[in-house]
Amino acid sequence: GARVSKQDELCGLDIAEHGVTAYPEFNS
């Protein structure tokens, strides 16, 4: 599968693919 799902894209690949976020203080 090449394209991420709609939900993953809307969430952002940080959370969808890695379970982390680059700016946790802004995404609590």
PDB file of all heavy atoms in Angstrom:
ATOM      1  N   GLY A   1       0.825  -1.194   0.000  1.00  0.00           N
ATOM      2  CA  GLY A   1       0.000   0.000   0.000  1.00  0.00           C
ATOM      3  C   GLY A   1       0.863   1.249   0.000  1.00  0.00           C
ATOM      4  O   GLY A   1       1.771   1.375   0.831  1.00  0.00           O
ATOM      5  N   ALA A   2       0.604   2.152  -0.924  1.00  0.00           N
ATOM      6  CA  ALA A   2       1.448   3.340  -1.058  1.00  0.00           C
ATOM      7  C   ALA A   2       0.862   4.567  -0.366  1.00  0.00           C
ATOM      8  O   ALA A   2       1.601   5.350   0.232  1.00  0.00           O
ATOM      9  CB  ALA A   2       1.682   3.645  -2.536  1.00  0.00           C
ATOM     10  N   ARG A   3      -0.447   4.731  -0.416  1.00  0.00           N
ATOM     11  CA  ARG A   3      -1.085   5.937   0.122  1.00  0.00           C
ATOM     12  C   ARG A   3      -1.623   5.675   1.521  1.00  0.00           C
ATOM     13  O   ARG A   3      -2.251   4.652   1.781  1.00  0.00           O
ATOM     14  CB  ARG A   3      -2.216   6.370  -0.805  1.00  0.00           C
ATOM     15  CG  ARG A   3      -3.041   7.575  -0.304  1.00  0.00           C
ATOM     16  CD  ARG A   3      -2.391   8.878  -0.637  1.00  0.00           C
ATOM     17  NE  ARG A   3      -3.057  10.006  -0.008  1.00  0.00           N
ATOM     18  CZ  ARG A   3      -3.422  11.120  -0.660  1.00  0.00           C
ATOM     19  NH1 ARG A   3      -3.206  11.227  -1.945  1.00  0.00           N
ATOM     20  NH2 ARG A   3      -3.990  12.118  -0.021  1.00  0.00           N
ATOM     21  N   VAL A   4      -1.372   6.617   2.421  1.00  0.00           N
ATOM     22  CA  VAL A   4      -1.915   6.498   3.776  1.00  0.00           C
ATOM     23  C   VAL A   4      -3.428   6.666   3.737  1.00  0.00           C
ATOM     24  O   VAL A   4      -3.992   7.225   2.787  1.00  0.00           O
ATOM     25  CB  VAL A   4      -1.291   7.549   4.722  1.00  0.00           C
ATOM     26  CG1 VAL A   4       0.208   7.346   4.851  1.00  0.00           C
ATOM     27  CG2 VAL A   4      -1.609   8.962   4.240  1.00  0.00           C
ATOM     28  N   SER A   5      -4.094   6.197   4.767  1.00  0.00           N
ATOM     29  CA  SER A   5      -5.549   6.323   4.842  1.00  0.00           C
ATOM     30  C   SER A   5      -5.943   7.779   5.073  1.00  0.00           C
ATOM     31  O   SER A   5      -5.129   8.599   5.519  1.00  0.00           O
ATOM     32  CB  SER A   5      -6.101   5.462   5.974  1.00  0.00           C
ATOM     33  OG  SER A   5      -5.690   5.985   7.229  1.00  0.00           O
ATOM     34  N   LYS A   6      -7.196   8.066   4.795  1.00  0.00           N
ATOM     35  CA  LYS A   6      -7.706   9.426   5.002  1.00  0.00           C
ATOM     36  C   LYS A   6      -7.572   9.834   6.464  1.00  0.00           C
ATOM     37  O   LYS A   6      -7.141  10.964   6.764  1.00  0.00           O
ATOM     38  CB  LYS A   6      -9.167   9.486   4.561  1.00  0.00           C
ATOM     39  CG  LYS A   6      -9.843  10.814   4.826  1.00  0.00           C
ATOM     40  CD  LYS A   6     -11.293  10.768   4.371  1.00  0.00           C
ATOM     41  CE  LYS A   6     -12.016  12.072   4.698  1.00  0.00           C
ATOM     42  NZ  LYS A   6     -13.453  12.032   4.268  1.00  0.00           N
ATOM     43  N   GLN A   7      -7.907   8.919   7.365  1.00  0.00           N
ATOM     44  CA  GLN A   7      -7.829   9.239   8.784  1.00  0.00           C
ATOM     45  C   GLN A   7      -6.382   9.523   9.204  1.00  0.00           C
ATOM     46  O   GLN A   7      -6.121  10.479   9.949  1.00  0.00           O
ATOM     47  CB  GLN A   7      -8.403   8.084   9.611  1.00  0.00           C
ATOM     48  CG  GLN A   7      -8.317   8.271  11.120  1.00  0.00           C
ATOM     49  CD  GLN A   7      -9.209   9.395  11.630  1.00  0.00           C
ATOM     50  OE1 GLN A   7     -10.071   9.890  10.904  1.00  0.00           O
ATOM     51  NE2 GLN A   7      -8.977   9.817  12.864  1.00  0.00           N
ATOM     52  N   ASP A   8      -5.451   8.704   8.729  1.00  0.00           N
ATOM     53  CA  ASP A   8      -4.038   8.906   9.083  1.00  0.00           C
ATOM     54  C   ASP A   8      -3.520  10.231   8.545  1.00  0.00           C
ATOM     55  O   ASP A   8      -2.744  10.924   9.211  1.00  0.00           O
ATOM     56  CB  ASP A   8      -3.191   7.756   8.543  1.00  0.00           C
ATOM     57  CG  ASP A   8      -3.380   6.474   9.340  1.00  0.00           C
ATOM     58  OD1 ASP A   8      -3.995   6.533  10.416  1.00  0.00           O
ATOM     59  OD2 ASP A   8      -2.908   5.415   8.878  1.00  0.00           O
ATOM     60  N   GLU A   9      -3.947  10.586   7.347  1.00  0.00           N
ATOM     61  CA  GLU A   9      -3.479  11.846   6.778  1.00  0.00           C
ATOM     62  C   GLU A   9      -4.034  13.033   7.549  1.00  0.00           C
ATOM     63  O   GLU A   9      -3.324  14.020   7.789  1.00  0.00           O
ATOM     64  CB  GLU A   9      -3.888  11.939   5.306  1.00  0.00           C
ATOM     65  CG  GLU A   9      -3.349  13.186   4.620  1.00  0.00           C
ATOM     66  CD  GLU A   9      -3.643  13.228   3.137  1.00  0.00           C
ATOM     67  OE1 GLU A   9      -3.996  12.177   2.564  1.00  0.00           O
ATOM     68  OE2 GLU A   9      -3.524  14.328   2.550  1.00  0.00           O
ATOM     69  N   LEU A  10      -5.280  12.949   7.934  1.00  0.00           N
ATOM     70  CA  LEU A  10      -5.868  14.043   8.698  1.00  0.00           C
ATOM     71  C   LEU A  10      -5.249  14.141  10.087  1.00  0.00           C
ATOM     72  O   LEU A  10      -5.065  15.230  10.621  1.00  0.00           O
ATOM     73  CB  LEU A  10      -7.383  13.850   8.804  1.00  0.00           C
ATOM     74  CG  LEU A  10      -8.168  13.995   7.490  1.00  0.00           C
ATOM     75  CD1 LEU A  10      -9.634  13.665   7.716  1.00  0.00           C
ATOM     76  CD2 LEU A  10      -8.007  15.400   6.916  1.00  0.00           C
ATOM     77  N   CYS A  11      -4.934  13.000  10.681  1.00  0.00           N
ATOM     78  CA  CYS A  11      -4.284  13.010  11.999  1.00  0.00           C
ATOM     79  C   CYS A  11      -2.865  13.540  11.897  1.00  0.00           C
ATOM     80  O   CYS A  11      -2.358  14.188  12.814  1.00  0.00           O
ATOM     81  CB  CYS A  11      -4.246  11.599  12.580  1.00  0.00           C
ATOM     82  SG  CYS A  11      -5.841  10.974  13.127  1.00  0.00           S
ATOM     83  N   GLY A  12      -2.222  13.246  10.793  1.00  0.00           N
ATOM     84  CA  GLY A  12      -0.809  13.573  10.645  1.00  0.00           C
ATOM     85  C   GLY A  12       0.017  12.307  10.790  1.00  0.00           C
ATOM     86  O   GLY A  12      -0.289  11.433  11.619  1.00  0.00           O
ATOM     87  N   LEU A  13       1.078  12.196  10.019  1.00  0.00           N
ATOM     88  CA  LEU A  13       1.875  10.975  10.021  1.00  0.00           C
ATOM     89  C   LEU A  13       2.722  10.826  11.270  1.00  0.00           C
ATOM     90  O   LEU A  13       3.216   9.731  11.550  1.00  0.00           O
ATOM     91  CB  LEU A  13       2.749  10.933   8.767  1.00  0.00           C
ATOM     92  CG  LEU A  13       1.998  10.941   7.435  1.00  0.00           C
ATOM     93  CD1 LEU A  13       2.945  10.665   6.268  1.00  0.00           C
ATOM     94  CD2 LEU A  13       0.853   9.950   7.436  1.00  0.00           C
ATOM     95  N   ASP A  14       2.905  11.894  12.031  1.00  0.00           N
ATOM     96  CA  ASP A  14       3.629  11.763  13.292  1.00  0.00           C
ATOM     97  C   ASP A  14       2.924  10.750  14.193  1.00  0.00           C
ATOM     98  O   ASP A  14       3.529   9.784  14.677  1.00  0.00           O
ATOM     99  CB  ASP A  14       3.702  13.114  14.014  1.00  0.00           C
ATOM    100  CG  ASP A  14       4.660  14.079  13.345  1.00  0.00           C
ATOM    101  OD1 ASP A  14       5.221  13.715  12.292  1.00  0.00           O
ATOM    102  OD2 ASP A  14       4.844  15.183  13.868  1.00  0.00           O
ATOM    103  N   ILE A  15       1.629  10.971  14.438  1.00  0.00           N
ATOM    104  CA  ILE A  15       0.848  10.088  15.296  1.00  0.00           C
ATOM    105  C   ILE A  15       0.559   8.764  14.598  1.00  0.00           C
ATOM    106  O   ILE A  15       0.715   7.682  15.164  1.00  0.00           O
ATOM    107  CB  ILE A  15      -0.470  10.766  15.713  1.00  0.00           C
ATOM    108  CG1 ILE A  15      -0.180  11.950  16.657  1.00  0.00           C
ATOM    109  CG2 ILE A  15      -1.411   9.763  16.367  1.00  0.00           C
ATOM    110  CD1 ILE A  15       0.393  11.537  17.995  1.00  0.00           C
ATOM    111  N   ALA A  16       0.141   8.841  13.318  1.00  0.00           N
ATOM    112  CA  ALA A  16      -0.311   7.652  12.610  1.00  0.00           C
ATOM    113  C   ALA A  16       0.796   6.632  12.408  1.00  0.00           C
ATOM    114  O   ALA A  16       0.577   5.426  12.538  1.00  0.00           O
ATOM    115  CB  ALA A  16      -0.899   8.054  11.256  1.00  0.00           C
ATOM    116  N   GLU A  17       2.010   7.094  12.089  1.00  0.00           N
ATOM    117  CA  GLU A  17       3.092   6.169  11.751  1.00  0.00           C
ATOM    118  C   GLU A  17       4.083   5.957  12.895  1.00  0.00           C
ATOM    119  O   GLU A  17       4.772   4.939  12.923  1.00  0.00           O
ATOM    120  CB  GLU A  17       3.854   6.670  10.518  1.00  0.00           C
ATOM    121  CG  GLU A  17       3.034   6.703   9.234  1.00  0.00           C
ATOM    122  CD  GLU A  17       2.878   5.323   8.602  1.00  0.00           C
ATOM    123  OE1 GLU A  17       3.134   4.315   9.300  1.00  0.00           O
ATOM    124  OE2 GLU A  17       2.490   5.248   7.425  1.00  0.00           O
ATOM    125  N   HIS A  18       4.164   6.912  13.836  1.00  0.00           N
ATOM    126  CA  HIS A  18       5.225   6.837  14.836  1.00  0.00           C
ATOM    127  C   HIS A  18       4.721   6.935  16.273  1.00  0.00           C
ATOM    128  O   HIS A  18       5.471   6.657  17.212  1.00  0.00           O
ATOM    129  CB  HIS A  18       6.266   7.937  14.591  1.00  0.00           C
ATOM    130  CG  HIS A  18       6.774   7.965  13.188  1.00  0.00           C
ATOM    131  ND1 HIS A  18       7.721   7.071  12.726  1.00  0.00           N
ATOM    132  CD2 HIS A  18       6.454   8.755  12.125  1.00  0.00           C
ATOM    133  CE1 HIS A  18       7.963   7.328  11.443  1.00  0.00           C
ATOM    134  NE2 HIS A  18       7.202   8.343  11.064  1.00  0.00           N
ATOM    135  N   GLY A  19       3.481   7.362  16.456  1.00  0.00           N
ATOM    136  CA  GLY A  19       2.949   7.473  17.803  1.00  0.00           C
ATOM    137  C   GLY A  19       3.546   8.594  18.622  1.00  0.00           C
ATOM    138  O   GLY A  19       3.468   8.599  19.857  1.00  0.00           O
ATOM    139  N   VAL A  20       4.145   9.560  17.954  1.00  0.00           N
ATOM    140  CA  VAL A  20       4.711  10.726  18.635  1.00  0.00           C
ATOM    141  C   VAL A  20       4.302  11.969  17.857  1.00  0.00           C
ATOM    142  O   VAL A  20       3.753  11.879  16.757  1.00  0.00           O
ATOM    143  CB  VAL A  20       6.260  10.661  18.722  1.00  0.00           C
ATOM    144  CG1 VAL A  20       6.708   9.447  19.500  1.00  0.00           C
ATOM    145  CG2 VAL A  20       6.878  10.669  17.320  1.00  0.00           C
ATOM    146  N   THR A  21       4.547  13.119  18.431  1.00  0.00           N
ATOM    147  CA  THR A  21       4.300  14.372  17.730  1.00  0.00           C
ATOM    148  C   THR A  21       5.498  15.287  17.918  1.00  0.00           C
ATOM    149  O   THR A  21       6.164  15.265  18.958  1.00  0.00           O
ATOM    150  CB  THR A  21       3.019  15.051  18.230  1.00  0.00           C
ATOM    151  OG1 THR A  21       2.830  16.282  17.532  1.00  0.00           O
ATOM    152  CG2 THR A  21       3.079  15.308  19.729  1.00  0.00           C
ATOM    153  N   ALA A  22       5.793  16.072  16.890  1.00  0.00           N
ATOM    154  CA  ALA A  22       6.967  16.941  16.938  1.00  0.00           C
ATOM    155  C   ALA A  22       6.822  18.042  17.980  1.00  0.00           C
ATOM    156  O   ALA A  22       7.816  18.514  18.538  1.00  0.00           O
ATOM    157  CB  ALA A  22       7.218  17.554  15.557  1.00  0.00           C
ATOM    158  N   TYR A  23       5.596  18.455  18.264  1.00  0.00           N
ATOM    159  CA  TYR A  23       5.357  19.570  19.177  1.00  0.00           C
ATOM    160  C   TYR A  23       4.302  19.158  20.207  1.00  0.00           C
ATOM    161  O   TYR A  23       3.141  19.602  20.149  1.00  0.00           O
ATOM    162  CB  TYR A  23       4.890  20.800  18.399  1.00  0.00           C
ATOM    163  CG  TYR A  23       5.849  21.206  17.309  1.00  0.00           C
ATOM    164  CD1 TYR A  23       5.605  20.853  15.975  1.00  0.00           C
ATOM    165  CD2 TYR A  23       7.009  21.925  17.595  1.00  0.00           C
ATOM    166  CE1 TYR A  23       6.484  21.214  14.964  1.00  0.00           C
ATOM    167  CE2 TYR A  23       7.895  22.283  16.588  1.00  0.00           C
ATOM    168  CZ  TYR A  23       7.626  21.926  15.280  1.00  0.00           C
ATOM    169  OH  TYR A  23       8.504  22.282  14.281  1.00  0.00           O
ATOM    170  N   PRO A  24       4.656  18.309  21.172  1.00  0.00           N
ATOM    171  CA  PRO A  24       3.654  17.791  22.125  1.00  0.00           C
ATOM    172  C   PRO A  24       2.999  18.867  22.964  1.00  0.00           C
ATOM    173  O   PRO A  24       1.840  18.729  23.355  1.00  0.00           O
ATOM    174  CB  PRO A  24       4.465  16.823  22.991  1.00  0.00           C
ATOM    175  CG  PRO A  24       5.891  17.244  22.825  1.00  0.00           C
ATOM    176  CD  PRO A  24       5.991  17.757  21.428  1.00  0.00           C
ATOM    177  N   GLU A  25       3.695  19.957  23.252  1.00  0.00           N
ATOM    178  CA  GLU A  25       3.111  20.991  24.090  1.00  0.00           C
ATOM    179  C   GLU A  25       1.961  21.712  23.383  1.00  0.00           C
ATOM    180  O   GLU A  25       1.110  22.319  24.022  1.00  0.00           O
ATOM    181  CB  GLU A  25       4.176  22.017  24.522  1.00  0.00           C
ATOM    182  CG  GLU A  25       4.790  22.828  23.382  1.00  0.00           C
ATOM    183  CD  GLU A  25       5.988  22.123  22.750  1.00  0.00           C
ATOM    184  OE1 GLU A  25       6.060  20.886  22.832  1.00  0.00           O
ATOM    185  OE2 GLU A  25       6.834  22.835  22.164  1.00  0.00           O
ATOM    186  N   PHE A  26       1.943  21.626  22.039  1.00  0.00           N
ATOM    187  CA  PHE A  26       0.865  22.259  21.289  1.00  0.00           C
ATOM    188  C   PHE A  26      -0.207  21.252  20.868  1.00  0.00           C
ATOM    189  O   PHE A  26      -1.190  21.618  20.243  1.00  0.00           O
ATOM    190  CB  PHE A  26       1.412  22.955  20.045  1.00  0.00           C
ATOM    191  CG  PHE A  26       2.396  24.041  20.378  1.00  0.00           C
ATOM    192  CD1 PHE A  26       3.721  23.951  19.979  1.00  0.00           C
ATOM    193  CD2 PHE A  26       2.002  25.158  21.089  1.00  0.00           C
ATOM    194  CE1 PHE A  26       4.632  24.944  20.284  1.00  0.00           C
ATOM    195  CE2 PHE A  26       2.913  26.162  21.406  1.00  0.00           C
ATOM    196  CZ  PHE A  26       4.231  26.054  21.004  1.00  0.00           C
ATOM    197  N   ASN A  27       0.025  19.985  21.157  1.00  0.00           N
ATOM    198  CA  ASN A  27      -0.914  18.952  20.741  1.00  0.00           C
ATOM    199  C   ASN A  27      -1.253  18.038  21.907  1.00  0.00           C
ATOM    200  O   ASN A  27      -1.324  16.825  21.771  1.00  0.00           O
ATOM    201  CB  ASN A  27      -0.325  18.121  19.590  1.00  0.00           C
ATOM    202  CG  ASN A  27      -0.115  18.947  18.332  1.00  0.00           C
ATOM    203  OD1 ASN A  27      -1.042  19.204  17.580  1.00  0.00           O
ATOM    204  ND2 ASN A  27       1.116  19.380  18.122  1.00  0.00           N
ATOM    205  N   SER A  28      -1.453  18.621  23.059  1.00  0.00           N
ATOM    206  CA  SER A  28      -1.682  17.830  24.270  1.00  0.00           C
ATOM    207  C   SER A  28      -2.981  17.035  24.205  1.00  0.00           C
ATOM    208  O   SER A  28      -3.134  16.021  24.896  1.00  0.00           O
ATOM    209  CB  SER A  28      -1.707  18.741  25.495  1.00  0.00           C
ATOM    210  OG  SER A  28      -2.713  19.738  25.353  1.00  0.00           O
TER     211      SER A  28
END
